[in-house]
């Protein structure tokens, strides 16, 4: 988008510059800007990608639910509650910024981290996913080993002996929560060895 948009927006500028200065001078200006761009890397270096591991990570367990949602049911509100000691709260919120990035990258429409006003050691992470299928797809095919590392770094600051509490809430106004047994539906079948397997099953 940057390259295509840049070409479209600057084409009239280069045309006007060529009309005023001539083609040779315009090309020299372009060459000078390219040299300046190369030199700017010393002030604004590119991100170091050597420490990034993009390999898939299937480390989240399947959510335990009392009913089976239809694949298209949504949006789905996912809430994760953390217990953090006073001395670790600032570091925890800093590390959760990395978690926020990969949550949005893997399908979250909105994301927020909230601190309980009556219990400052209780943090609640909320994010919204478009549908149940989208949430399961996020679980099993989009998470990377790098995402897992950021998540583990944040959870390492939790109070000893505690674990995150995860809940899934469904928008009942948008449609039925439970997959109807009277219609044909698509069911997402999770595979622990591959990124994901989508199984089609006819239900009577």
N, C-alpha and C. Protein backbone atom coordinates (compact mmCIF):
# COMPACT_ATOMS: atom_id res chain seq x y z
N UNK A 1 0.82 -1.20 0.00
CA UNK A 1 0.00 0.00 0.00
C UNK A 1 0.86 1.26 0.00
N UNK A 2 1.99 1.21 0.73
CA UNK A 2 2.87 2.38 0.78
C UNK A 2 3.47 2.65 -0.59
N UNK A 3 3.99 1.58 -1.24
CA UNK A 3 4.61 1.78 -2.54
C UNK A 3 3.59 2.19 -3.60
N UNK A 4 2.45 1.51 -3.63
CA UNK A 4 1.44 1.85 -4.63
C UNK A 4 0.86 3.23 -4.40
N UNK A 5 0.56 3.53 -3.13
CA UNK A 5 0.03 4.86 -2.82
C UNK A 5 1.04 5.96 -3.09
N UNK A 6 2.32 5.66 -2.75
CA UNK A 6 3.36 6.66 -3.01
C UNK A 6 3.52 6.97 -4.48
N UNK A 7 3.45 5.96 -5.32
CA UNK A 7 3.56 6.19 -6.76
C UNK A 7 2.38 7.00 -7.28
N UNK A 8 1.18 6.66 -6.80
CA UNK A 8 0.00 7.39 -7.29
C UNK A 8 -0.02 8.84 -6.83
N UNK A 9 0.38 9.08 -5.59
CA UNK A 9 0.31 10.44 -5.05
C UNK A 9 1.43 11.34 -5.56
N UNK A 10 2.60 10.75 -5.81
CA UNK A 10 3.74 11.59 -6.23
C UNK A 10 3.91 11.67 -7.73
N UNK A 11 3.13 10.90 -8.52
CA UNK A 11 3.24 10.98 -9.98
C UNK A 11 3.00 12.40 -10.50
N UNK A 12 1.94 13.10 -10.03
CA UNK A 12 1.77 14.49 -10.50
C UNK A 12 2.93 15.40 -10.09
N UNK A 13 3.50 15.15 -8.91
CA UNK A 13 4.62 15.97 -8.46
C UNK A 13 5.84 15.78 -9.36
N UNK A 14 6.15 14.52 -9.69
CA UNK A 14 7.29 14.27 -10.56
C UNK A 14 7.04 14.82 -11.96
N UNK A 15 5.80 14.75 -12.42
CA UNK A 15 5.48 15.31 -13.73
C UNK A 15 5.68 16.81 -13.76
N UNK A 16 5.22 17.49 -12.71
CA UNK A 16 5.40 18.95 -12.64
C UNK A 16 6.87 19.31 -12.54
N UNK A 17 7.62 18.50 -11.75
CA UNK A 17 9.05 18.76 -11.60
C UNK A 17 9.79 18.57 -12.92
N UNK A 18 9.40 17.53 -13.67
CA UNK A 18 10.04 17.29 -14.97
C UNK A 18 9.72 18.42 -15.96
N UNK A 19 8.51 18.94 -15.91
CA UNK A 19 8.15 20.07 -16.79
C UNK A 19 8.96 21.30 -16.46
N UNK A 20 9.21 21.52 -15.15
CA UNK A 20 9.91 22.73 -14.76
C UNK A 20 11.42 22.63 -14.85
N UNK A 21 12.00 21.50 -14.45
CA UNK A 21 13.46 21.38 -14.41
C UNK A 21 14.05 20.57 -15.56
N UNK A 22 13.22 19.76 -16.19
CA UNK A 22 13.72 18.89 -17.24
C UNK A 22 13.89 17.48 -16.71
N UNK A 23 13.96 16.53 -17.60
CA UNK A 23 14.01 15.13 -17.22
C UNK A 23 15.31 14.77 -16.50
N UNK A 24 16.45 15.29 -16.97
CA UNK A 24 17.74 14.95 -16.35
C UNK A 24 17.80 15.42 -14.91
N UNK A 25 17.41 16.67 -14.69
CA UNK A 25 17.45 17.21 -13.32
C UNK A 25 16.49 16.47 -12.41
N UNK A 26 15.33 16.09 -12.93
CA UNK A 26 14.35 15.36 -12.11
C UNK A 26 14.89 14.00 -11.70
N UNK A 27 15.55 13.29 -12.62
CA UNK A 27 16.14 12.00 -12.28
C UNK A 27 17.25 12.15 -11.24
N UNK A 28 18.02 13.24 -11.34
CA UNK A 28 19.07 13.48 -10.35
C UNK A 28 18.47 13.75 -8.97
N UNK A 29 17.37 14.47 -8.93
CA UNK A 29 16.69 14.70 -7.66
C UNK A 29 16.22 13.38 -7.06
N UNK A 30 15.63 12.50 -7.90
CA UNK A 30 15.19 11.20 -7.42
C UNK A 30 16.35 10.38 -6.90
N UNK A 31 17.50 10.40 -7.60
CA UNK A 31 18.67 9.66 -7.14
C UNK A 31 19.17 10.19 -5.81
N UNK A 32 19.15 11.53 -5.65
CA UNK A 32 19.59 12.12 -4.39
C UNK A 32 18.68 11.71 -3.23
N UNK A 33 17.37 11.64 -3.49
CA UNK A 33 16.44 11.22 -2.44
C UNK A 33 16.67 9.75 -2.06
N UNK A 34 17.00 8.91 -3.03
CA UNK A 34 17.29 7.52 -2.72
C UNK A 34 18.53 7.39 -1.84
N UNK A 35 19.55 8.18 -2.16
CA UNK A 35 20.77 8.16 -1.33
C UNK A 35 20.44 8.63 0.09
N UNK A 36 19.64 9.68 0.19
CA UNK A 36 19.25 10.16 1.52
C UNK A 36 18.45 9.14 2.29
N UNK A 37 17.60 8.39 1.60
CA UNK A 37 16.84 7.33 2.26
C UNK A 37 17.76 6.25 2.80
N UNK A 38 18.77 5.88 2.00
CA UNK A 38 19.72 4.86 2.46
C UNK A 38 20.49 5.34 3.69
N UNK A 39 20.88 6.62 3.70
CA UNK A 39 21.61 7.14 4.85
C UNK A 39 20.74 7.26 6.09
N UNK A 40 19.43 7.42 5.90
CA UNK A 40 18.53 7.57 7.05
C UNK A 40 18.43 6.29 7.88
N UNK A 41 18.88 5.15 7.33
CA UNK A 41 18.81 3.90 8.09
C UNK A 41 19.67 3.96 9.34
N UNK A 42 20.72 4.77 9.32
CA UNK A 42 21.56 4.92 10.50
C UNK A 42 20.80 5.59 11.63
N UNK A 43 19.90 6.49 11.31
CA UNK A 43 19.10 7.16 12.35
C UNK A 43 17.83 6.37 12.68
N UNK A 44 17.22 5.76 11.68
CA UNK A 44 15.99 4.98 11.87
C UNK A 44 16.24 3.57 11.33
N UNK A 45 16.91 2.72 12.08
CA UNK A 45 17.25 1.38 11.58
C UNK A 45 16.01 0.52 11.41
N UNK A 46 16.14 -0.47 10.54
CA UNK A 46 15.07 -1.43 10.35
C UNK A 46 14.98 -2.35 11.57
N UNK A 47 13.81 -2.93 11.76
CA UNK A 47 13.62 -3.84 12.89
C UNK A 47 14.48 -5.09 12.71
N UNK A 48 15.07 -5.54 13.80
CA UNK A 48 15.87 -6.76 13.77
C UNK A 48 14.94 -7.97 13.78
N UNK A 49 14.97 -8.75 12.69
CA UNK A 49 14.08 -9.90 12.55
C UNK A 49 14.75 -11.21 12.94
N UNK A 50 15.99 -11.15 13.41
CA UNK A 50 16.69 -12.40 13.72
C UNK A 50 16.06 -13.12 14.91
N UNK A 51 15.51 -12.37 15.88
CA UNK A 51 14.93 -13.00 17.06
C UNK A 51 13.48 -13.40 16.91
N UNK A 52 12.91 -13.21 15.71
CA UNK A 52 11.50 -13.52 15.49
C UNK A 52 11.37 -14.95 14.98
N UNK A 53 10.52 -15.72 15.64
CA UNK A 53 10.26 -17.11 15.24
C UNK A 53 8.83 -17.21 14.73
N UNK A 54 8.61 -17.26 13.41
CA UNK A 54 7.25 -17.29 12.86
C UNK A 54 6.64 -18.67 12.76
N UNK A 55 7.30 -19.70 13.28
CA UNK A 55 6.76 -21.05 13.19
C UNK A 55 5.45 -21.15 13.97
N UNK A 56 4.48 -21.94 13.50
CA UNK A 56 3.18 -22.05 14.19
C UNK A 56 3.33 -22.61 15.60
N UNK A 57 2.49 -22.10 16.50
CA UNK A 57 2.50 -22.58 17.88
C UNK A 57 1.07 -22.89 18.29
N UNK A 58 0.79 -24.15 18.49
CA UNK A 58 -0.55 -24.60 18.88
C UNK A 58 -0.55 -24.87 20.38
N UNK A 59 -0.40 -23.80 21.17
CA UNK A 59 -0.21 -23.99 22.60
C UNK A 59 -1.45 -23.68 23.44
N UNK A 60 -2.52 -23.19 22.83
CA UNK A 60 -3.73 -22.92 23.60
C UNK A 60 -4.63 -24.15 23.60
N UNK A 61 -5.14 -24.57 24.75
CA UNK A 61 -6.06 -25.71 24.78
C UNK A 61 -7.43 -25.32 24.23
N UNK A 62 -8.18 -26.31 23.80
CA UNK A 62 -9.54 -26.06 23.33
C UNK A 62 -10.39 -25.53 24.47
N UNK A 63 -11.17 -24.47 24.25
CA UNK A 63 -11.97 -23.88 25.34
C UNK A 63 -13.02 -24.86 25.86
N UNK A 64 -13.10 -25.04 27.19
CA UNK A 64 -14.14 -25.92 27.76
C UNK A 64 -15.47 -25.18 27.84
N UNK A 65 -16.46 -25.64 27.09
CA UNK A 65 -17.77 -25.00 27.06
C UNK A 65 -18.85 -26.00 27.43
N UNK A 66 -19.98 -25.49 27.90
CA UNK A 66 -21.12 -26.33 28.28
C UNK A 66 -22.03 -26.59 27.09
N UNK A 67 -21.81 -25.90 25.96
CA UNK A 67 -22.62 -26.11 24.76
C UNK A 67 -21.72 -25.90 23.55
N UNK A 68 -22.21 -26.31 22.41
CA UNK A 68 -21.44 -26.21 21.17
C UNK A 68 -21.95 -25.04 20.34
N UNK A 69 -21.20 -23.95 20.24
CA UNK A 69 -21.64 -22.81 19.43
C UNK A 69 -21.54 -23.15 17.94
N UNK A 70 -22.41 -22.54 17.16
CA UNK A 70 -22.30 -22.66 15.72
C UNK A 70 -21.08 -21.90 15.23
N UNK A 71 -20.47 -22.31 14.13
CA UNK A 71 -19.25 -21.65 13.63
C UNK A 71 -19.44 -20.17 13.36
N UNK A 72 -20.65 -19.77 12.90
CA UNK A 72 -20.88 -18.38 12.54
C UNK A 72 -21.33 -17.52 13.71
N UNK A 73 -21.51 -18.12 14.88
CA UNK A 73 -21.98 -17.35 16.04
C UNK A 73 -20.93 -16.30 16.41
N UNK A 74 -21.38 -15.11 16.66
CA UNK A 74 -20.46 -14.05 17.04
C UNK A 74 -21.15 -12.71 17.07
N UNK A 75 -20.48 -11.70 17.52
CA UNK A 75 -19.09 -11.73 17.98
C UNK A 75 -18.94 -12.46 19.32
N UNK A 76 -17.68 -12.82 19.60
CA UNK A 76 -17.33 -13.53 20.83
C UNK A 76 -16.42 -12.64 21.67
N UNK A 77 -16.80 -12.45 22.93
CA UNK A 77 -15.99 -11.66 23.85
C UNK A 77 -15.15 -12.62 24.70
N UNK A 78 -13.83 -12.50 24.58
CA UNK A 78 -12.91 -13.33 25.35
C UNK A 78 -12.34 -12.48 26.48
N UNK A 79 -12.44 -12.97 27.70
CA UNK A 79 -11.92 -12.26 28.87
C UNK A 79 -10.90 -13.15 29.58
N UNK A 80 -9.76 -12.56 29.91
CA UNK A 80 -8.70 -13.27 30.61
C UNK A 80 -8.34 -12.47 31.85
N UNK A 81 -8.46 -13.10 33.02
CA UNK A 81 -8.20 -12.44 34.29
C UNK A 81 -6.84 -12.87 34.83
N UNK A 82 -6.04 -11.88 35.25
CA UNK A 82 -4.70 -12.13 35.77
C UNK A 82 -4.59 -11.58 37.19
N UNK A 83 -3.76 -12.22 38.02
CA UNK A 83 -3.42 -11.72 39.35
C UNK A 83 -1.95 -11.34 39.34
N UNK A 84 -1.67 -10.06 39.62
CA UNK A 84 -0.31 -9.54 39.52
C UNK A 84 0.07 -8.87 40.84
N UNK A 85 1.28 -9.15 41.32
CA UNK A 85 1.76 -8.55 42.57
C UNK A 85 2.06 -7.07 42.36
N UNK A 86 2.00 -6.24 43.43
CA UNK A 86 2.21 -4.79 43.28
C UNK A 86 3.51 -4.42 42.59
N UNK A 87 4.60 -5.08 42.91
CA UNK A 87 5.89 -4.70 42.35
C UNK A 87 6.03 -5.06 40.87
N UNK A 88 5.13 -5.87 40.35
CA UNK A 88 5.25 -6.33 38.96
C UNK A 88 4.20 -5.72 38.04
N UNK A 89 3.35 -4.84 38.54
CA UNK A 89 2.23 -4.36 37.74
C UNK A 89 2.67 -3.49 36.57
N UNK A 90 3.65 -2.64 36.76
CA UNK A 90 4.12 -1.80 35.66
C UNK A 90 4.77 -2.65 34.57
N UNK A 91 5.62 -3.58 34.97
CA UNK A 91 6.27 -4.46 34.00
C UNK A 91 5.24 -5.32 33.27
N UNK A 92 4.20 -5.74 33.99
CA UNK A 92 3.17 -6.58 33.37
C UNK A 92 2.43 -5.81 32.27
N UNK A 93 2.03 -4.59 32.55
CA UNK A 93 1.32 -3.81 31.53
C UNK A 93 2.22 -3.52 30.34
N UNK A 94 3.52 -3.33 30.56
CA UNK A 94 4.44 -3.12 29.45
C UNK A 94 4.52 -4.36 28.56
N UNK A 95 4.61 -5.52 29.18
CA UNK A 95 4.71 -6.76 28.40
C UNK A 95 3.41 -7.09 27.69
N UNK A 96 2.30 -6.68 28.26
CA UNK A 96 1.01 -6.96 27.63
C UNK A 96 0.82 -6.15 26.35
N UNK A 97 1.62 -5.10 26.13
CA UNK A 97 1.54 -4.37 24.87
C UNK A 97 1.93 -5.26 23.70
N UNK A 98 2.89 -6.16 23.91
CA UNK A 98 3.24 -7.11 22.86
C UNK A 98 2.10 -8.10 22.63
N UNK A 99 1.44 -8.50 23.71
CA UNK A 99 0.29 -9.40 23.59
C UNK A 99 -0.81 -8.72 22.79
N UNK A 100 -1.02 -7.43 23.04
CA UNK A 100 -2.06 -6.69 22.32
C UNK A 100 -1.80 -6.70 20.82
N UNK A 101 -0.53 -6.58 20.43
CA UNK A 101 -0.20 -6.55 19.00
C UNK A 101 -0.56 -7.87 18.33
N UNK A 102 -0.19 -9.00 18.95
CA UNK A 102 -0.48 -10.25 18.26
C UNK A 102 -1.94 -10.64 18.40
N UNK A 103 -2.63 -10.17 19.43
CA UNK A 103 -4.08 -10.41 19.50
C UNK A 103 -4.77 -9.74 18.30
N UNK A 104 -4.41 -8.49 18.03
CA UNK A 104 -5.01 -7.78 16.90
C UNK A 104 -4.59 -8.41 15.57
N UNK A 105 -3.34 -8.84 15.50
CA UNK A 105 -2.86 -9.43 14.26
C UNK A 105 -3.55 -10.75 13.96
N UNK A 106 -3.95 -11.47 15.00
CA UNK A 106 -4.55 -12.79 14.80
C UNK A 106 -6.07 -12.77 14.83
N UNK A 107 -6.68 -11.61 14.75
CA UNK A 107 -8.12 -11.58 14.56
C UNK A 107 -8.95 -10.77 15.54
N UNK A 108 -8.36 -10.21 16.59
CA UNK A 108 -9.15 -9.43 17.54
C UNK A 108 -9.60 -8.11 16.91
N UNK A 109 -10.90 -7.84 17.01
CA UNK A 109 -11.44 -6.58 16.49
C UNK A 109 -11.15 -5.43 17.44
N UNK A 110 -11.25 -5.68 18.73
CA UNK A 110 -10.92 -4.69 19.75
C UNK A 110 -10.11 -5.38 20.84
N UNK A 111 -9.34 -4.60 21.58
CA UNK A 111 -8.54 -5.17 22.66
C UNK A 111 -8.40 -4.13 23.76
N UNK A 112 -8.40 -4.60 25.01
CA UNK A 112 -8.20 -3.70 26.14
C UNK A 112 -7.71 -4.45 27.36
N UNK A 113 -6.91 -3.78 28.18
CA UNK A 113 -6.44 -4.33 29.45
C UNK A 113 -6.92 -3.40 30.55
N UNK A 114 -7.69 -3.94 31.50
CA UNK A 114 -8.33 -3.14 32.53
C UNK A 114 -7.86 -3.59 33.92
N UNK A 115 -7.72 -2.61 34.80
CA UNK A 115 -7.33 -2.89 36.18
C UNK A 115 -8.54 -2.69 37.09
N UNK A 116 -8.82 -3.67 37.92
CA UNK A 116 -9.98 -3.63 38.80
C UNK A 116 -9.80 -2.51 39.83
N UNK A 117 -10.78 -1.59 39.90
CA UNK A 117 -10.68 -0.47 40.82
C UNK A 117 -10.76 -0.88 42.27
N UNK A 118 -11.47 -1.96 42.57
CA UNK A 118 -11.60 -2.41 43.95
C UNK A 118 -10.54 -3.44 44.33
N UNK A 119 -9.81 -3.94 43.33
CA UNK A 119 -8.76 -4.94 43.57
C UNK A 119 -7.63 -4.68 42.59
N UNK A 120 -6.69 -3.77 42.91
CA UNK A 120 -5.66 -3.34 41.95
C UNK A 120 -4.78 -4.47 41.43
N UNK A 121 -4.73 -5.58 42.13
CA UNK A 121 -3.91 -6.69 41.65
C UNK A 121 -4.61 -7.55 40.62
N UNK A 122 -5.84 -7.21 40.28
CA UNK A 122 -6.63 -7.99 39.32
C UNK A 122 -6.71 -7.23 37.99
N UNK A 123 -6.16 -7.83 36.95
CA UNK A 123 -6.19 -7.25 35.62
C UNK A 123 -7.08 -8.12 34.72
N UNK A 124 -7.87 -7.45 33.89
CA UNK A 124 -8.79 -8.15 32.99
C UNK A 124 -8.47 -7.76 31.56
N UNK A 125 -8.11 -8.73 30.77
CA UNK A 125 -7.87 -8.53 29.34
C UNK A 125 -9.13 -8.91 28.58
N UNK A 126 -9.66 -8.01 27.77
CA UNK A 126 -10.85 -8.26 26.97
C UNK A 126 -10.52 -8.05 25.50
N UNK A 127 -10.93 -8.98 24.66
CA UNK A 127 -10.85 -8.73 23.23
C UNK A 127 -12.02 -9.39 22.52
N UNK A 128 -12.41 -8.79 21.42
CA UNK A 128 -13.60 -9.21 20.68
C UNK A 128 -13.19 -9.84 19.36
N UNK A 129 -13.78 -11.00 19.08
CA UNK A 129 -13.52 -11.72 17.84
C UNK A 129 -14.82 -11.81 17.05
N UNK A 130 -14.72 -11.76 15.72
CA UNK A 130 -15.91 -11.66 14.89
C UNK A 130 -16.84 -12.86 15.02
N UNK A 131 -16.30 -14.07 15.14
CA UNK A 131 -17.14 -15.26 15.21
C UNK A 131 -16.40 -16.36 15.97
N UNK A 132 -17.14 -17.40 16.33
CA UNK A 132 -16.54 -18.52 17.03
C UNK A 132 -15.53 -19.24 16.15
N UNK A 133 -15.86 -19.40 14.88
CA UNK A 133 -14.91 -20.03 13.94
C UNK A 133 -13.64 -19.21 13.86
N UNK A 134 -13.78 -17.90 13.82
CA UNK A 134 -12.61 -17.03 13.76
C UNK A 134 -11.75 -17.20 15.00
N UNK A 135 -12.37 -17.36 16.14
CA UNK A 135 -11.60 -17.52 17.38
C UNK A 135 -10.85 -18.85 17.38
N UNK A 136 -11.48 -19.92 16.94
CA UNK A 136 -10.80 -21.21 16.89
C UNK A 136 -9.69 -21.20 15.85
N UNK A 137 -9.94 -20.53 14.73
CA UNK A 137 -8.91 -20.42 13.70
C UNK A 137 -7.72 -19.64 14.24
N UNK A 138 -8.00 -18.60 15.05
CA UNK A 138 -6.92 -17.83 15.67
C UNK A 138 -6.12 -18.72 16.61
N UNK A 139 -6.82 -19.58 17.36
CA UNK A 139 -6.15 -20.47 18.30
C UNK A 139 -5.15 -21.38 17.61
N UNK A 140 -5.57 -21.95 16.49
CA UNK A 140 -4.86 -23.10 15.98
C UNK A 140 -4.09 -22.88 14.69
N UNK A 141 -4.14 -21.72 14.08
CA UNK A 141 -3.40 -21.57 12.84
C UNK A 141 -2.64 -20.26 12.72
N UNK A 142 -2.90 -19.29 13.58
CA UNK A 142 -2.26 -17.99 13.42
C UNK A 142 -1.21 -17.69 14.48
N UNK A 143 -1.28 -18.34 15.62
CA UNK A 143 -0.31 -18.07 16.67
C UNK A 143 1.06 -18.60 16.27
N UNK A 144 2.09 -17.84 16.59
CA UNK A 144 3.45 -18.24 16.28
C UNK A 144 4.23 -18.48 17.57
N UNK A 145 5.41 -19.07 17.41
CA UNK A 145 6.27 -19.28 18.57
C UNK A 145 6.68 -17.96 19.20
N UNK A 146 6.80 -16.92 18.38
CA UNK A 146 7.13 -15.60 18.91
C UNK A 146 5.98 -15.06 19.77
N UNK A 147 4.74 -15.28 19.35
CA UNK A 147 3.58 -14.88 20.15
C UNK A 147 3.57 -15.61 21.49
N UNK A 148 3.88 -16.88 21.44
CA UNK A 148 3.92 -17.67 22.68
C UNK A 148 4.98 -17.12 23.64
N UNK A 149 6.10 -16.70 23.11
CA UNK A 149 7.17 -16.16 23.97
C UNK A 149 6.70 -14.88 24.67
N UNK A 150 6.04 -14.00 23.94
CA UNK A 150 5.54 -12.77 24.55
C UNK A 150 4.48 -13.07 25.62
N UNK A 151 3.63 -14.03 25.33
CA UNK A 151 2.59 -14.40 26.29
C UNK A 151 3.21 -14.98 27.56
N UNK A 152 4.22 -15.82 27.40
CA UNK A 152 4.88 -16.41 28.56
C UNK A 152 5.63 -15.36 29.37
N UNK A 153 6.20 -14.37 28.72
CA UNK A 153 6.90 -13.30 29.43
C UNK A 153 5.94 -12.51 30.31
N UNK A 154 4.74 -12.25 29.81
CA UNK A 154 3.75 -11.52 30.60
C UNK A 154 3.24 -12.38 31.75
N UNK A 155 2.98 -13.64 31.48
CA UNK A 155 2.42 -14.52 32.51
C UNK A 155 3.46 -14.91 33.56
N UNK A 156 4.73 -14.72 33.26
CA UNK A 156 5.76 -15.00 34.26
C UNK A 156 5.68 -14.03 35.44
N UNK A 157 4.97 -12.92 35.27
CA UNK A 157 4.85 -11.92 36.34
C UNK A 157 3.60 -12.13 37.19
N UNK A 158 2.85 -13.18 36.95
CA UNK A 158 1.65 -13.42 37.75
C UNK A 158 2.03 -13.88 39.15
N UNK A 159 1.12 -13.66 40.08
CA UNK A 159 1.33 -14.10 41.45
C UNK A 159 1.56 -15.61 41.46
N UNK A 160 2.55 -16.05 42.21
CA UNK A 160 2.89 -17.46 42.26
C UNK A 160 1.68 -18.29 42.69
N UNK A 161 1.47 -19.38 42.00
CA UNK A 161 0.36 -20.26 42.32
C UNK A 161 -0.94 -19.90 41.64
N UNK A 162 -0.98 -18.80 40.86
CA UNK A 162 -2.19 -18.41 40.15
C UNK A 162 -2.01 -18.66 38.65
N UNK A 163 -3.12 -18.75 37.97
CA UNK A 163 -3.13 -18.95 36.52
C UNK A 163 -4.21 -18.07 35.92
N UNK A 164 -4.07 -17.67 34.66
CA UNK A 164 -5.11 -16.85 34.03
C UNK A 164 -6.44 -17.58 33.98
N UNK A 165 -7.52 -16.85 34.20
CA UNK A 165 -8.87 -17.40 34.10
C UNK A 165 -9.51 -16.87 32.81
N UNK A 166 -9.90 -17.79 31.94
CA UNK A 166 -10.41 -17.42 30.62
C UNK A 166 -11.89 -17.72 30.53
N UNK A 167 -12.66 -16.76 30.02
CA UNK A 167 -14.09 -16.96 29.78
C UNK A 167 -14.41 -16.53 28.35
N UNK A 168 -15.44 -17.15 27.79
CA UNK A 168 -15.91 -16.83 26.45
C UNK A 168 -17.39 -16.48 26.53
N UNK A 169 -17.74 -15.28 26.10
CA UNK A 169 -19.12 -14.81 26.12
C UNK A 169 -19.60 -14.59 24.69
N UNK A 170 -20.84 -15.00 24.42
CA UNK A 170 -21.38 -14.96 23.07
C UNK A 170 -22.50 -13.93 22.98
N UNK A 171 -22.55 -13.24 21.84
CA UNK A 171 -23.59 -12.25 21.60
C UNK A 171 -24.88 -12.97 21.23
N UNK A 172 -25.79 -13.08 22.19
CA UNK A 172 -27.04 -13.80 21.94
C UNK A 172 -28.03 -12.97 21.13
N UNK A 173 -27.82 -11.66 21.02
CA UNK A 173 -28.73 -10.82 20.24
C UNK A 173 -28.50 -11.04 18.75
N UNK A 174 -27.23 -11.32 18.36
CA UNK A 174 -26.92 -11.47 16.95
C UNK A 174 -27.50 -12.73 16.34
N UNK A 175 -27.76 -13.75 17.16
CA UNK A 175 -28.30 -14.99 16.61
C UNK A 175 -28.24 -16.10 17.65
N UNK A 176 -28.70 -17.31 17.29
CA UNK A 176 -28.69 -18.43 18.24
C UNK A 176 -27.28 -18.82 18.60
N UNK A 177 -27.07 -19.14 19.88
CA UNK A 177 -25.74 -19.50 20.34
C UNK A 177 -25.41 -20.95 20.02
N UNK A 178 -26.37 -21.85 20.26
CA UNK A 178 -26.12 -23.27 20.06
C UNK A 178 -26.40 -23.64 18.61
N UNK A 179 -25.51 -24.41 18.01
CA UNK A 179 -25.72 -24.85 16.64
C UNK A 179 -26.99 -25.70 16.56
N UNK A 180 -27.87 -25.32 15.66
CA UNK A 180 -29.14 -26.03 15.55
C UNK A 180 -28.93 -27.44 15.01
N UNK A 181 -29.67 -28.40 15.57
CA UNK A 181 -29.58 -29.77 15.10
C UNK A 181 -30.56 -30.05 13.97
N UNK A 182 -31.34 -29.02 13.57
CA UNK A 182 -32.33 -29.22 12.52
C UNK A 182 -31.84 -28.77 11.15
N UNK A 183 -30.64 -28.20 11.12
CA UNK A 183 -30.11 -27.70 9.86
C UNK A 183 -28.72 -28.24 9.64
N UNK A 184 -28.28 -28.22 8.40
CA UNK A 184 -26.92 -28.62 8.09
C UNK A 184 -25.97 -27.51 8.52
N UNK A 185 -24.91 -27.87 9.18
CA UNK A 185 -23.94 -26.88 9.66
C UNK A 185 -22.55 -27.37 9.39
N UNK A 186 -21.63 -26.43 9.37
CA UNK A 186 -20.22 -26.75 9.24
C UNK A 186 -19.62 -26.75 10.63
N UNK A 187 -18.86 -27.76 10.95
CA UNK A 187 -18.23 -27.84 12.26
C UNK A 187 -16.72 -27.78 12.11
N UNK A 188 -16.08 -26.98 12.94
CA UNK A 188 -14.63 -26.86 12.91
C UNK A 188 -14.02 -27.95 13.76
N UNK A 189 -13.24 -28.83 13.16
CA UNK A 189 -12.59 -29.91 13.89
C UNK A 189 -11.14 -29.54 14.10
N UNK A 190 -10.71 -29.56 15.33
CA UNK A 190 -9.37 -29.10 15.66
C UNK A 190 -8.38 -30.22 15.57
N UNK A 191 -7.23 -29.93 15.00
CA UNK A 191 -6.16 -30.91 14.89
C UNK A 191 -4.96 -30.40 15.67
N UNK A 192 -4.43 -31.19 16.58
CA UNK A 192 -3.29 -30.78 17.39
C UNK A 192 -1.98 -30.94 16.65
N UNK A 193 -1.98 -31.64 15.51
CA UNK A 193 -0.73 -31.87 14.80
C UNK A 193 -0.56 -30.96 13.61
N UNK A 194 -1.64 -30.43 13.08
CA UNK A 194 -1.56 -29.51 11.96
C UNK A 194 -2.15 -28.19 12.37
N UNK A 195 -2.01 -27.19 11.50
CA UNK A 195 -2.50 -25.86 11.83
C UNK A 195 -3.99 -25.89 12.11
N UNK A 196 -4.77 -26.45 11.20
CA UNK A 196 -6.19 -26.67 11.47
C UNK A 196 -6.75 -27.60 10.42
N UNK A 197 -7.82 -28.28 10.75
CA UNK A 197 -8.51 -29.13 9.80
C UNK A 197 -9.98 -28.75 9.84
N UNK A 198 -10.54 -28.41 8.72
CA UNK A 198 -11.94 -28.04 8.66
C UNK A 198 -12.72 -29.24 8.16
N UNK A 199 -13.60 -29.75 9.00
CA UNK A 199 -14.39 -30.92 8.64
C UNK A 199 -15.83 -30.48 8.38
N UNK A 200 -16.41 -30.98 7.32
CA UNK A 200 -17.80 -30.69 7.03
C UNK A 200 -18.63 -31.88 7.49
N UNK A 201 -19.65 -31.59 8.28
CA UNK A 201 -20.48 -32.66 8.83
C UNK A 201 -21.94 -32.28 8.66
N UNK A 202 -22.72 -33.18 8.12
CA UNK A 202 -24.14 -32.96 7.99
C UNK A 202 -24.82 -33.43 9.28
N UNK A 203 -25.60 -32.53 9.84
CA UNK A 203 -26.33 -32.85 11.06
C UNK A 203 -27.82 -32.80 10.75
N UNK A 204 -28.53 -33.80 11.12
CA UNK A 204 -29.97 -33.90 10.85
C UNK A 204 -30.75 -33.33 12.04
